[in-house]
Amino acid sequence: MAFSALRVLKEGLTGNSGWTPHWRDPAPKDEYDVVIIGGGGHGLATAYYLAKDHGITNVAVLEKGWIGGGNVGRNTTIVRANYMMPGNSEFYSHSLKLWEGLEQDLNYNVMHSQRGQITLFNSDGARDAAMRRANAVINQGDDAELLSVGQLKKTLPYLDYDQTRFPIYGGMLYRRAGTARHDAVAWGLARGADRRGVDIIQNCEVTGIDTQGGVVQGVQTSRGPIRAKKVAIVVAGRSAQVAAMAGMRLPIESHVLQAFVTEGLKPCIDHVVSYGMLGHFYISQSDKGGLVFGGNLDGYASYAARGNLPMAEHVCEAAMTLMPMIGRAKMLRSWGGIMDMSSDGSPIIDKTHIDGLYFNGGWCYGGFKAIPASGNCYAHLIAQDRPHPAGAGFRLDRFATGRGLMDEEGTGSQHNLH
């Protein structure tokens, strides 16, 4: 089933009766070449690129719930490549390039909108830090533009520029940044992987990882045992729990990140806007009209996909401080995603000490925007047993040796500060 303007028109005129399911619902086979634990964006992207780039199609993606029901459906959909540290910078640049061709590659509308991101700053020191980051981004081959207060007022007239505590000094514009539709990304990747022969198995929870003599043998699941030559863990906030099934202890904590959305409004916010002085606050407007916004992590470790009231109040206070107009909008809903926070704030894509067992996690705030490159690099690692150049710095042993740490936020090795 291929999408085209003519096909959409035809189906619209005939009651949309000709569409078929986007992917199969197969029963798990006894054995696969590769089993991917986790059917979120990263797991689906890994399966897709294994099949597309490496011709490995005897692959199963095991998802304990349904496709789109985890973190890939619990985020604020921001896509950007404004990272500064070597290792991160080239990786997210690679990811942005993949985003820009993803819809054509998948023949599926993931609603990728490069509306631009504007990050605000409130002091001379913050301006210097923004310029340093922008120069690193430009040196990487991506874009960044400094905006004065006058330029900002023409572009973002609804902000409170003269607030006493955090007056706005200027901003940095990243024109190629933007948003995408989170569940559409999952559906498009699932469809693309399925079309290349990958089995996507929903409602199949992994309960154990089988190893023998330091070699992975397969997995135990709620639908029976499955043998596999290679097993790839990519389960976001559940990373520590799943890795423990193989006897591994990871440098990761899981924290809740809340997000909020208002009722649908007429278009009023054209960009993604973020302001670090208000607690990592960020906001954009969805295609359905809702204002989507969020802030800092809840300050405690948790596996619950829900937040607490104090952080909700804090984020709403930040919203009101930056743009008082939002006080007239009604809150429609909120949700919480489980963030796998690594101790240096940067991810891991690497082989483990168990032969045939691979790990991908520790994405902190960067998971959604990393989906294409994460899958691309992870598939390369699984297929060739050597890291992709764009993800070569994401070694697991950097936490044991102290070499190659990527402290992107500059806040040290405390998980909840990242």
Protein backbone atom coordinates (compact mmCIF):
# COMPACT_ATOMS: atom_id res chain seq x y z
CA MET A 1 0.00 0.00 0.00
CA ALA A 2 1.72 3.15 -1.25
CA PHE A 3 0.57 6.67 -0.44
CA SER A 4 0.15 9.31 -3.14
CA ALA A 5 -2.02 12.36 -3.69
CA LEU A 6 -4.08 10.42 -6.22
CA ARG A 7 -4.59 7.50 -3.80
CA VAL A 8 -5.66 9.82 -0.97
CA LEU A 9 -8.13 11.58 -3.30
CA LYS A 10 -9.55 8.28 -4.52
CA GLU A 11 -10.03 6.93 -1.00
CA GLY A 12 -11.61 10.17 0.14
CA LEU A 13 -14.18 9.91 -2.65
CA THR A 14 -14.94 6.24 -1.99
CA GLY A 15 -15.38 6.24 1.78
CA ASN A 16 -11.78 5.27 2.64
CA SER A 17 -12.71 1.64 2.22
CA GLY A 18 -9.60 0.58 0.31
CA TRP A 19 -6.96 1.10 2.99
CA THR A 20 -5.29 -1.99 4.44
CA PRO A 21 -3.47 -2.40 7.81
CA HIS A 22 -0.12 -0.64 7.96
CA TRP A 23 1.66 -3.67 9.37
CA ARG A 24 0.99 -7.34 10.03
CA ASP A 25 0.17 -8.86 13.42
CA PRO A 26 2.31 -12.01 13.28
CA ALA A 27 2.81 -14.67 15.91
CA PRO A 28 6.41 -14.85 17.11
CA LYS A 29 8.64 -17.41 15.43
CA ASP A 30 10.83 -19.79 17.41
CA GLU A 31 14.06 -18.10 16.31
CA TYR A 32 15.31 -14.86 14.72
CA ASP A 33 18.65 -13.49 13.66
CA VAL A 34 17.97 -10.35 15.74
CA VAL A 35 15.45 -9.70 18.50
CA ILE A 36 14.91 -6.05 19.41
CA ILE A 37 13.46 -5.49 22.87
CA GLY A 38 11.37 -2.32 22.69
CA GLY A 39 8.92 -1.16 20.03
CA GLY A 40 9.32 2.57 20.51
CA GLY A 41 10.79 4.99 18.01
CA HIS A 42 14.37 3.82 18.49
CA GLY A 43 13.55 0.11 18.32
CA LEU A 44 11.42 0.51 15.19
CA ALA A 45 14.06 2.71 13.54
CA THR A 46 16.70 0.08 14.32
CA ALA A 47 14.60 -2.64 12.69
CA TYR A 48 13.88 -0.43 9.70
CA TYR A 49 17.54 0.38 9.04
CA LEU A 50 18.64 -3.23 9.67
CA ALA A 51 16.34 -4.28 6.84
CA LYS A 52 16.87 -1.28 4.56
CA ASP A 53 20.62 -0.71 4.85
CA HIS A 54 21.95 -4.14 5.83
CA GLY A 55 19.46 -6.60 4.34
CA ILE A 56 18.79 -8.24 7.72
CA THR A 57 15.08 -9.02 7.70
CA ASN A 58 14.76 -12.02 10.03
CA VAL A 59 14.13 -9.57 12.84
CA ALA A 60 11.50 -9.35 15.59
CA VAL A 61 10.56 -6.17 17.45
CA LEU A 62 9.03 -7.10 20.81
CA GLU A 63 6.75 -4.50 22.40
CA LYS A 64 5.07 -5.21 25.73
CA GLY A 65 2.16 -2.89 24.90
CA TRP A 66 1.10 -1.40 21.59
CA ILE A 67 3.04 0.58 19.01
CA GLY A 68 2.99 4.26 19.98
CA GLY A 69 1.99 3.61 23.59
CA GLY A 70 5.33 4.33 25.30
CA ASN A 71 7.69 7.30 25.36
CA VAL A 72 7.37 7.82 21.60
CA GLY A 73 3.80 8.92 22.30
CA ARG A 74 4.70 10.84 25.47
CA ASN A 75 6.94 13.69 24.40
CA THR A 76 6.83 17.22 23.05
CA THR A 77 7.90 16.27 19.50
CA ILE A 78 10.84 18.70 19.15
CA VAL A 79 13.46 18.02 16.47
CA ARG A 80 16.74 19.97 16.66
CA ALA A 81 20.50 19.70 16.19
CA ASN A 82 21.91 22.41 18.46
CA TYR A 83 24.27 20.27 20.54
CA MET A 84 27.77 21.49 21.31
CA MET A 85 29.97 18.68 22.64
CA PRO A 86 32.08 16.63 20.21
CA GLY A 87 30.30 13.30 19.82
CA ASN A 88 26.86 14.76 20.38
CA SER A 89 27.18 17.51 17.78
CA GLU A 90 27.91 15.29 14.79
CA PHE A 91 25.37 12.71 15.93
CA TYR A 92 22.43 15.11 16.11
CA SER A 93 23.53 16.73 12.86
CA HIS A 94 23.34 13.27 11.28
CA SER A 95 19.90 12.79 12.82
CA LEU A 96 18.57 16.09 11.47
CA LYS A 97 19.68 15.18 7.95
CA LEU A 98 17.87 11.85 8.24
CA TRP A 99 14.75 13.65 9.50
CA GLU A 100 14.79 15.87 6.43
CA GLY A 101 14.45 12.88 4.12
CA LEU A 102 12.44 10.58 6.37
CA GLU A 103 8.99 11.16 4.90
CA GLN A 104 10.16 10.46 1.36
CA ASP A 105 12.14 7.47 2.58
CA LEU A 106 9.14 5.98 4.39
CA ASN A 107 6.45 7.13 1.94
CA TYR A 108 4.60 8.29 5.04
CA ASN A 109 3.68 11.71 6.41
CA VAL A 110 5.28 12.08 9.84
CA MET A 111 4.30 15.78 9.82
CA HIS A 112 7.88 16.99 10.10
CA SER A 113 7.67 20.79 10.26
CA GLN A 114 10.92 22.79 10.21
CA ARG A 115 9.38 25.86 11.79
CA GLY A 116 12.58 26.83 13.61
CA GLN A 117 13.55 26.95 17.27
CA ILE A 118 14.38 30.12 19.20
CA THR A 119 16.31 29.79 22.47
CA LEU A 120 16.20 32.89 24.65
CA PHE A 121 18.86 34.22 27.01
CA ASN A 122 18.76 36.77 29.83
CA SER A 123 22.29 37.97 30.60
CA ASP A 124 25.64 38.79 29.01
CA GLY A 125 27.04 35.48 30.22
CA ALA A 126 24.10 33.58 28.78
CA ARG A 127 24.58 35.38 25.46
CA ASP A 128 28.25 34.33 25.43
CA ALA A 129 27.25 30.72 26.13
CA ALA A 130 24.64 30.83 23.36
CA MET A 131 27.22 32.23 20.92
CA ARG A 132 29.69 29.51 21.83
CA ARG A 133 27.06 26.83 21.22
CA ALA A 134 25.98 28.50 17.96
CA ASN A 135 29.57 28.59 16.69
CA ALA A 136 29.95 24.87 17.45
CA VAL A 137 26.71 24.17 15.58
CA ILE A 138 27.85 26.22 12.56
CA ASN A 139 31.26 24.53 12.57
CA GLN A 140 29.41 21.20 12.45
CA GLY A 141 27.69 22.36 9.26
CA ASP A 142 24.30 23.30 10.67
CA ASP A 143 22.64 26.70 11.12
CA ALA A 144 22.33 29.29 13.87
CA GLU A 145 21.46 33.01 13.87
CA LEU A 146 21.71 35.58 16.65
CA LEU A 147 18.55 37.66 17.14
CA SER A 148 18.43 41.02 18.93
CA VAL A 149 15.58 42.02 21.23
CA GLY A 150 14.19 44.17 18.43
CA GLN A 151 14.16 41.22 16.04
CA LEU A 152 12.59 39.01 18.69
CA LYS A 153 9.78 41.49 19.32
CA LYS A 154 8.86 41.37 15.63
CA THR A 155 8.99 37.57 15.58
CA LEU A 156 7.61 36.77 19.07
CA PRO A 157 5.47 39.79 20.02
CA TYR A 158 3.55 37.88 22.70
CA LEU A 159 6.51 37.49 25.14
CA ASP A 160 6.97 39.60 28.28
CA TYR A 161 10.36 41.16 27.55
CA ASP A 162 10.54 43.39 30.63
CA GLN A 163 9.86 40.92 33.40
CA THR A 164 11.84 42.04 36.42
CA ARG A 165 13.58 38.80 37.30
CA PHE A 166 14.52 37.35 33.90
CA PRO A 167 14.43 40.10 31.25
CA ILE A 168 15.08 38.83 27.73
CA TYR A 169 18.41 39.95 26.22
CA GLY A 170 18.09 38.19 22.86
CA GLY A 171 17.80 34.78 21.28
CA MET A 172 19.37 32.22 18.98
CA LEU A 173 17.40 30.97 15.98
CA TYR A 174 17.91 27.49 14.54
CA ARG A 175 15.86 27.56 11.34
CA ARG A 176 16.08 23.84 10.51
CA ALA A 177 14.73 22.78 13.91
CA GLY A 178 11.04 22.14 14.41
CA THR A 179 8.59 19.40 15.33
CA ALA A 180 7.16 16.11 14.05
CA ARG A 181 4.07 14.09 14.95
CA HIS A 182 5.23 11.55 17.54
CA ASP A 183 2.86 8.65 16.89
CA ALA A 184 3.07 9.16 13.12
CA VAL A 185 6.82 8.62 13.40
CA ALA A 186 6.24 5.30 15.16
CA TRP A 187 3.59 4.21 12.66
CA GLY A 188 5.68 5.19 9.65
CA LEU A 189 8.73 3.29 10.90
CA ALA A 190 6.62 0.26 11.86
CA ARG A 191 5.07 0.25 8.39
CA GLY A 192 8.47 0.63 6.72
CA ALA A 193 10.03 -2.19 8.74
CA ASP A 194 7.06 -4.49 8.19
CA ARG A 195 7.15 -3.94 4.43
CA ARG A 196 10.74 -5.23 4.48
CA GLY A 197 9.85 -8.42 6.34
CA VAL A 198 10.38 -7.47 10.01
CA ASP A 199 7.94 -9.04 12.52
CA ILE A 200 6.44 -6.44 14.84
CA ILE A 201 5.00 -8.31 17.81
CA GLN A 202 2.82 -6.30 20.16
CA ASN A 203 1.65 -7.33 23.65
CA CYS A 204 4.77 -9.42 24.06
CA GLU A 205 6.64 -8.57 27.27
CA VAL A 206 10.20 -9.76 27.71
CA THR A 207 10.59 -11.43 31.11
CA GLY A 208 14.15 -12.76 30.83
CA ILE A 209 17.31 -12.75 28.74
CA ASP A 210 18.94 -16.16 28.20
CA THR A 211 22.73 -16.39 28.20
CA GLN A 212 25.14 -19.31 28.29
CA GLY A 213 28.89 -19.10 28.69
CA GLY A 214 28.86 -15.33 28.16
CA VAL A 215 26.88 -15.62 24.91
CA VAL A 216 23.28 -14.53 24.43
CA GLN A 217 20.87 -17.30 23.46
CA GLY A 218 17.52 -15.53 23.24
CA VAL A 219 14.75 -14.15 25.42
CA GLN A 220 11.87 -15.32 27.56
CA THR A 221 8.59 -13.57 26.86
CA SER A 222 4.95 -13.57 27.92
CA ARG A 223 4.31 -15.41 24.64
CA GLY A 224 6.96 -18.05 25.11
CA PRO A 225 10.74 -18.34 24.59
CA ILE A 226 12.37 -16.94 21.45
CA ARG A 227 15.88 -17.91 20.37
CA ALA A 228 18.09 -15.27 18.79
CA LYS A 229 21.64 -14.90 17.56
CA LYS A 230 21.64 -11.26 18.64
CA VAL A 231 19.50 -9.36 21.16
CA ALA A 232 19.25 -5.56 21.22
CA ILE A 233 17.92 -3.68 24.26
CA VAL A 234 16.32 -0.31 23.51
CA VAL A 235 13.63 0.38 26.12
CA ALA A 236 14.22 3.99 27.24
CA GLY A 237 13.12 4.48 30.87
CA ARG A 238 12.99 0.74 31.49
CA SER A 239 16.66 0.29 30.54
CA ALA A 240 17.92 -0.57 34.01
CA GLN A 241 15.16 -3.11 34.60
CA VAL A 242 15.67 -4.97 31.33
CA ALA A 243 19.47 -4.88 31.54
CA ALA A 244 19.23 -6.39 35.03
CA MET A 245 17.73 -9.50 33.40
CA ALA A 246 21.18 -10.08 31.91
CA GLY A 247 22.95 -9.26 35.17
CA MET A 248 23.96 -5.75 34.11
CA ARG A 249 23.95 -2.61 36.24
CA LEU A 250 23.78 0.61 34.22
CA PRO A 251 24.86 4.21 34.99
CA ILE A 252 21.25 5.29 34.43
CA GLU A 253 18.40 6.59 36.57
CA SER A 254 14.78 6.87 35.42
CA HIS A 255 12.98 10.16 36.04
CA VAL A 256 9.57 11.48 35.02
CA LEU A 257 9.33 14.36 32.55
CA GLN A 258 5.91 15.97 32.42
CA ALA A 259 4.37 17.71 29.44
CA PHE A 260 1.14 19.65 29.00
CA VAL A 261 -1.19 20.70 26.21
CA THR A 262 -3.92 23.32 26.07
CA GLU A 263 -7.18 23.33 24.21
CA GLY A 264 -6.98 23.96 20.47
CA LEU A 265 -6.36 27.61 19.55
CA LYS A 266 -5.93 29.59 16.36
CA PRO A 267 -2.31 29.67 15.13
CA CYS A 268 -0.34 32.02 17.35
CA ILE A 269 3.10 30.43 17.96
CA ASP A 270 5.06 29.82 14.76
CA HIS A 271 8.28 28.49 16.31
CA VAL A 272 9.52 26.28 19.09
CA VAL A 273 10.47 28.69 21.90
CA SER A 274 12.65 27.71 24.87
CA TYR A 275 14.00 29.64 27.85
CA GLY A 276 16.45 27.96 30.22
CA MET A 277 16.15 30.57 32.96
CA LEU A 278 12.58 29.47 33.60
CA GLY A 279 13.48 25.86 34.32
CA HIS A 280 14.18 24.45 30.88
CA PHE A 281 10.80 25.75 29.69
CA TYR A 282 9.82 25.11 26.07
CA ILE A 283 6.64 25.58 24.06
CA SER A 284 5.29 25.08 20.55
CA GLN A 285 1.89 24.81 18.89
CA SER A 286 0.67 21.54 17.42
CA ASP A 287 -1.08 21.20 14.08
CA LYS A 288 -4.33 20.65 15.99
CA GLY A 289 -3.89 24.03 17.70
CA GLY A 290 -2.91 22.95 21.21
CA LEU A 291 0.01 24.71 22.90
CA VAL A 292 2.43 21.95 23.90
CA PHE A 293 4.87 22.83 26.68
CA GLY A 294 7.04 21.42 29.43
CA GLY A 295 9.96 22.08 31.75
CA ASN A 296 12.33 20.30 34.11
CA LEU A 297 12.28 16.70 35.25
CA ASP A 298 10.41 15.80 38.40
CA GLY A 299 13.21 15.66 40.95
CA TYR A 300 12.97 12.03 42.00
CA ALA A 301 13.56 8.63 40.41
CA SER A 302 10.39 6.89 39.27
CA TYR A 303 8.98 4.37 36.81
CA ALA A 304 5.50 5.92 36.93
CA ALA A 305 4.32 7.52 33.69
CA ARG A 306 2.76 10.40 35.58
CA GLY A 307 4.10 13.47 37.36
CA ASN A 308 3.34 15.44 40.48
CA LEU A 309 1.51 18.70 41.14
CA PRO A 310 4.46 20.87 42.30
CA MET A 311 6.25 20.44 38.97
CA ALA A 312 3.02 21.09 37.08
CA GLU A 313 2.64 24.34 39.02
CA HIS A 314 6.26 25.28 38.35
CA VAL A 315 5.93 24.75 34.59
CA CYS A 316 2.68 26.73 34.46
CA GLU A 317 4.31 29.57 36.42
CA ALA A 318 7.14 29.60 33.88
CA ALA A 319 4.62 29.75 31.04
CA MET A 320 2.82 32.67 32.64
CA THR A 321 6.09 34.51 33.30
CA LEU A 322 7.25 34.23 29.72
CA MET A 323 3.92 34.75 27.95
CA PRO A 324 1.07 35.96 30.17
CA MET A 325 -1.43 35.36 27.35
CA ILE A 326 -1.30 31.63 28.03
CA GLY A 327 -3.26 32.21 31.24
CA ARG A 328 -6.43 32.53 29.18
CA ALA A 329 -6.03 29.03 27.68
CA LYS A 330 -7.59 25.98 29.29
CA MET A 331 -5.33 23.03 30.09
CA LEU A 332 -6.55 20.02 28.14
CA ARG A 333 -4.30 17.23 29.44
CA SER A 334 -0.88 16.31 30.79
CA TRP A 335 1.28 13.21 30.68
CA GLY A 336 4.61 11.88 31.90
CA GLY A 337 7.36 10.12 30.01
CA ILE A 338 10.02 8.01 31.75
CA MET A 339 13.42 9.49 30.92
CA ASP A 340 16.50 7.26 31.09
CA MET A 341 19.01 9.75 32.47
CA SER A 342 22.67 8.85 32.06
CA SER A 343 25.19 10.29 34.49
CA ASP A 344 26.86 12.55 31.91
CA GLY A 345 23.66 13.54 30.12
CA SER A 346 24.57 11.77 26.88
CA PRO A 347 23.41 8.44 25.39
CA ILE A 348 24.90 4.96 25.05
CA ILE A 349 24.97 2.84 21.86
CA ASP A 350 27.34 -0.06 22.39
CA LYS A 351 27.98 -3.78 22.68
CA THR A 352 27.87 -5.24 26.17
CA HIS A 353 30.22 -7.67 27.86
CA ILE A 354 27.85 -10.48 26.78
CA ASP A 355 28.54 -11.64 23.23
CA GLY A 356 25.55 -10.87 21.00
CA LEU A 357 23.86 -8.51 23.47
CA TYR A 358 23.68 -4.81 22.57
CA PHE A 359 22.43 -1.78 24.48
CA ASN A 360 20.93 1.55 23.41
CA GLY A 361 19.73 4.02 26.06
CA GLY A 362 20.47 6.98 28.31
CA TRP A 363 18.83 9.49 25.96
CA CYS A 364 17.86 11.99 28.65
CA TYR A 365 15.93 14.78 26.90
CA GLY A 366 17.27 13.86 23.45
CA GLY A 367 15.32 10.72 22.60
CA PHE A 368 12.69 11.87 20.13
CA LYS A 369 14.96 14.06 18.02
CA ALA A 370 17.52 11.23 17.91
CA ILE A 371 15.19 8.53 16.54
CA PRO A 372 16.49 8.28 12.94
CA ALA A 373 20.19 8.49 13.81
CA SER A 374 19.81 6.21 16.83
CA GLY A 375 18.21 3.52 14.69
CA ASN A 376 20.73 4.08 11.90
CA CYS A 377 23.75 3.85 14.21
CA TYR A 378 22.37 0.98 16.29
CA ALA A 379 21.56 -1.06 13.18
CA HIS A 380 25.10 -0.47 11.91
CA LEU A 381 26.55 -1.67 15.22
CA ILE A 382 24.36 -4.78 15.32
CA ALA A 383 24.98 -5.70 11.69
CA GLN A 384 28.72 -5.02 11.53
CA ASP A 385 29.83 -5.24 15.17
CA ARG A 386 31.57 -1.88 14.92
CA PRO A 387 30.20 1.58 15.74
CA HIS A 388 28.84 3.94 13.13
CA PRO A 389 31.11 7.01 12.85
CA ALA A 390 28.29 9.34 13.95
CA GLY A 391 27.78 7.37 17.17
CA ALA A 392 31.32 6.27 17.91
CA GLY A 393 31.55 8.32 21.11
CA PHE A 394 28.58 6.69 22.82
CA ARG A 395 30.64 3.97 24.50
CA LEU A 396 29.39 2.25 27.63
CA ASP A 397 32.87 1.94 29.14
CA ARG A 398 33.33 5.72 29.36
CA PHE A 399 31.57 5.63 32.71
CA ALA A 400 34.02 3.08 34.08
CA THR A 401 37.17 4.71 32.72
CA GLY A 402 36.18 8.39 32.87
CA ARG A 403 37.51 8.84 29.32
CA GLY A 404 35.22 10.29 26.67
CA LEU A 405 32.50 11.62 28.98
CA MET A 406 30.17 14.10 27.22
CA ASP A 407 28.79 16.50 29.82
CA GLU A 408 26.53 18.40 27.42
CA GLU A 409 24.73 20.38 30.14
CA GLY A 410 27.86 21.16 32.15
CA THR A 411 26.17 20.01 35.36
CA GLY A 412 28.44 17.14 36.37
CA SER A 413 27.64 13.51 36.97
CA GLN A 414 24.34 13.81 38.84
CA HIS A 415 21.51 12.25 36.83
CA ASN A 416 18.66 14.46 37.96
CA LEU A 417 20.57 17.67 37.08
CA HIS A 418 20.69 16.72 33.40
